[in-house]
Protein backbone atom coordinates (compact mmCIF):
# COMPACT_ATOMS: atom_id res chain seq x y z
CA MET A 1 2.89 0.97 12.60
CA PRO A 2 0.95 0.93 9.30
CA ARG A 3 3.39 3.32 7.67
CA ARG A 4 6.24 0.85 8.17
CA PHE A 5 4.08 -1.95 6.80
CA PHE A 6 3.16 -0.05 3.65
CA ARG A 7 6.72 1.21 3.21
CA LYS A 8 7.82 -2.40 2.61
CA PHE A 9 5.70 -2.46 -0.54
CA ALA A 10 6.35 1.12 -1.60
CA VAL A 11 7.13 1.75 -5.23
CA LYS A 12 9.45 4.59 -6.15
CA ARG A 13 7.91 6.87 -8.74
CA HIS A 14 11.09 7.19 -10.78
CA THR A 15 11.31 3.40 -11.24
CA VAL A 16 7.78 3.32 -12.63
CA SER A 17 8.03 6.42 -14.79
CA GLU A 18 11.27 5.20 -16.42
CA ARG A 19 9.58 2.14 -17.94
CA TRP A 20 9.08 2.36 -21.70
CA PHE A 21 5.35 1.59 -21.54
CA MET A 22 4.76 4.45 -19.09
CA THR A 23 6.10 7.09 -21.50
CA PRO A 24 2.65 8.52 -22.38
CA PHE A 25 1.77 8.83 -18.68
CA ARG A 26 5.13 10.08 -17.40
CA HIS A 27 3.94 13.66 -16.97
CA LEU A 28 1.04 12.48 -14.77
CA LEU A 29 3.15 10.41 -12.38
CA HIS A 30 5.27 13.17 -10.83
CA ASP A 31 2.76 14.10 -8.14
CA HIS A 32 4.19 12.95 -4.79
CA ARG A 33 0.70 12.18 -3.44
CA LEU A 34 0.44 9.22 -5.81
CA TRP A 35 3.36 7.45 -4.11
CA SER A 36 3.57 8.82 -0.55
CA ILE A 37 2.94 6.59 2.45
CA ARG A 38 0.84 8.96 4.53
CA ARG A 39 -2.49 8.28 6.17
CA LYS A 40 -4.39 10.80 4.06
CA ASN A 41 -3.16 9.14 0.86
CA VAL A 42 -3.10 5.46 1.84
CA VAL A 43 -6.44 5.12 3.65
CA PRO A 44 -8.56 6.51 0.77
CA ALA A 45 -6.54 4.45 -1.71
CA PHE A 46 -7.23 1.28 0.27
CA SER A 47 -10.91 2.16 0.39
CA LEU A 48 -10.96 2.85 -3.35
CA GLY A 49 -9.31 -0.50 -4.06
CA LEU A 50 -11.86 -2.33 -1.94
CA PHE A 51 -14.73 -0.66 -3.76
CA ILE A 52 -13.35 -1.54 -7.18
CA ALA A 53 -12.65 -5.14 -6.07
CA PHE A 54 -16.40 -5.75 -5.75
CA LEU A 55 -17.29 -4.52 -9.23
CA PRO A 56 -18.02 -7.30 -11.75
CA PHE A 57 -15.69 -5.99 -14.43
CA PRO A 58 -12.26 -7.33 -15.41
CA GLY A 59 -9.03 -5.41 -14.90
CA HIS A 60 -9.44 -4.32 -11.28
CA PRO A 61 -5.81 -3.21 -10.69
CA ILE A 62 -5.81 -1.08 -13.83
CA GLU A 63 -9.16 0.47 -12.95
CA ALA A 64 -7.94 1.18 -9.42
CA ALA A 65 -4.69 2.72 -10.68
CA LEU A 66 -6.56 5.01 -13.07
CA ALA A 67 -9.07 6.02 -10.38
CA ALA A 68 -6.24 6.63 -7.90
CA LEU A 69 -4.49 8.79 -10.48
CA LEU A 70 -7.70 10.76 -10.95
CA LEU A 71 -8.34 11.13 -7.20
CA ARG A 72 -4.65 11.75 -6.34
CA VAL A 73 -4.26 8.92 -3.82
CA ASN A 74 -1.61 6.20 -3.52
CA ILE A 75 -1.62 4.15 -6.74
CA PRO A 76 0.12 0.95 -5.51
CA VAL A 77 -2.14 0.62 -2.45
CA ALA A 78 -5.28 1.08 -4.53
CA ALA A 79 -4.12 -1.52 -7.05
CA LEU A 80 -3.09 -4.03 -4.37
CA ALA A 81 -6.34 -3.65 -2.42
CA THR A 82 -8.26 -4.95 -5.43
CA PHE A 83 -6.74 -8.40 -4.90
CA VAL A 84 -9.43 -9.04 -2.27
CA SER A 85 -11.28 -10.28 -5.32
CA ASN A 86 -9.15 -13.10 -6.68
CA PRO A 87 -9.97 -16.38 -8.44
CA LEU A 88 -10.73 -18.07 -5.09
CA THR A 89 -13.04 -15.37 -3.76
CA MET A 90 -14.61 -14.16 -7.00
CA GLY A 91 -17.42 -16.73 -7.12
CA PRO A 92 -18.65 -16.24 -3.54
CA ILE A 93 -18.34 -12.46 -3.77
CA TYR A 94 -20.32 -12.17 -6.98
CA TYR A 95 -22.97 -14.64 -5.83
CA PHE A 96 -23.40 -12.68 -2.59
CA THR A 97 -23.64 -9.36 -4.43
CA TYR A 98 -26.15 -10.88 -6.87
CA LYS A 99 -28.21 -12.14 -3.95
CA VAL A 100 -28.16 -8.72 -2.24
CA GLY A 101 -29.16 -6.97 -5.47
CA ALA A 102 -31.93 -9.48 -6.19
CA ASP A 103 -33.34 -8.99 -2.68
CA LEU A 104 -33.30 -5.21 -3.07
CA LEU A 105 -34.95 -5.33 -6.49
CA SER A 106 -37.39 -8.08 -5.42
CA VAL A 107 -36.22 -10.27 -8.29
CA GLU A 108 -36.45 -14.03 -8.15
CA LEU A 109 -33.03 -15.66 -7.83
CA GLU A 110 -31.91 -17.54 -10.91
CA PRO A 111 -29.40 -20.31 -10.31
CA PHE A 112 -26.12 -19.70 -12.11
CA ASP A 113 -22.55 -20.93 -12.12
CA PHE A 114 -19.82 -18.36 -12.52
CA GLU A 115 -17.45 -18.99 -15.42
CA PHE A 116 -14.90 -16.64 -16.82
CA SER A 117 -15.89 -17.03 -20.47
CA ILE A 118 -17.59 -15.18 -23.29
CA ASP A 119 -20.48 -17.68 -23.33
CA TRP A 120 -21.23 -16.99 -19.66
CA ILE A 121 -21.25 -13.26 -20.29
CA THR A 122 -23.54 -13.46 -23.34
CA ASP A 123 -25.94 -16.01 -21.85
CA THR A 124 -26.08 -15.70 -18.07
CA PHE A 125 -24.75 -12.23 -17.28
CA VAL A 126 -27.22 -10.57 -19.62
CA SER A 127 -30.12 -11.80 -17.49
CA ILE A 128 -28.60 -11.07 -14.06
CA TRP A 129 -26.61 -7.88 -14.61
CA GLN A 130 -29.01 -5.45 -12.93
CA PRO A 131 -29.24 -7.13 -9.50
CA MET A 132 -25.57 -8.08 -9.66
CA LEU A 133 -24.43 -4.54 -10.45
CA LEU A 134 -26.67 -3.00 -7.78
CA GLY A 135 -25.45 -5.49 -5.19
CA SER A 136 -21.83 -5.02 -6.25
CA VAL A 137 -21.99 -1.25 -5.92
CA LEU A 138 -23.79 -1.43 -2.58
CA VAL A 139 -21.59 -4.14 -1.03
CA GLY A 140 -18.48 -2.49 -2.48
CA ALA A 141 -19.45 0.84 -0.94
CA ILE A 142 -20.06 -0.78 2.45
CA ALA A 143 -16.74 -2.68 2.26
CA ALA A 144 -14.95 0.52 1.26
CA LEU A 145 -16.50 2.43 4.16
CA LEU A 146 -15.65 -0.30 6.67
CA GLY A 147 -12.12 -0.60 5.27
CA PHE A 148 -11.65 3.15 5.47
CA ILE A 149 -12.81 3.30 9.08
CA ALA A 150 -10.82 0.24 10.16
CA LEU A 151 -7.53 1.26 8.55
CA ASP A 152 -7.91 4.85 9.73
CA MET A 153 -8.52 3.70 13.31
CA ILE A 154 -5.57 1.29 13.19
CA TRP A 155 -3.33 4.01 11.79
CA ARG A 156 -4.43 6.58 14.40
CA TYR A 157 -4.05 4.06 17.22
CA SER A 158 -0.54 3.14 16.10
CA ILE A 159 0.46 6.82 15.95
CA ALA A 160 -0.93 7.43 19.43
CA ASP A 161 0.85 4.32 20.72
CA TYR A 162 4.10 5.41 19.09
CA LYS A 163 3.89 8.89 20.64
CA THR A 164 3.09 7.39 24.05
CA ARG A 165 6.15 5.11 23.87
CA LYS A 166 8.37 8.02 22.82
CA ARG A 167 7.13 10.16 25.73
CA LYS A 168 7.84 7.33 28.18
CA GLU A 169 11.34 6.91 26.76
CA ARG A 170 12.07 10.61 27.31
CA ASN A 171 11.03 10.48 30.97
């Protein structure tokens, strides 16, 4: 059952709000929706994390946590879902999104190597940001939609299966 799976990684809100660096945000973290392991809070948070994972900006977990706080969905799930984009997958993801954006904008592909440096941002990113951003938003939205549908279906199936097993045990 997905709820049991996510419960393993659940973070208690009082442990987070007691940290010294969370003092300015303590009043925002008391909403139970930000920490609950329910389908209507976890599935949108997972989808939000997937969308943010495809954006070509640094600080994905922080961005996802702030967006989850704003949208009142599960913060830890949104932050963890952004790790789809990690140092191993970042290059292929951003190249694919650049390629999709360049095809949509009918822009000629420029060969580039992804580096995580200031020189790369000032030289290469300046010339490819439009197709890359368009592709990132589009592919991120599609990944978020597919993730939402898949996790929602898995969650609903597991609930139906659980209820069926309980009914059989009663009889």
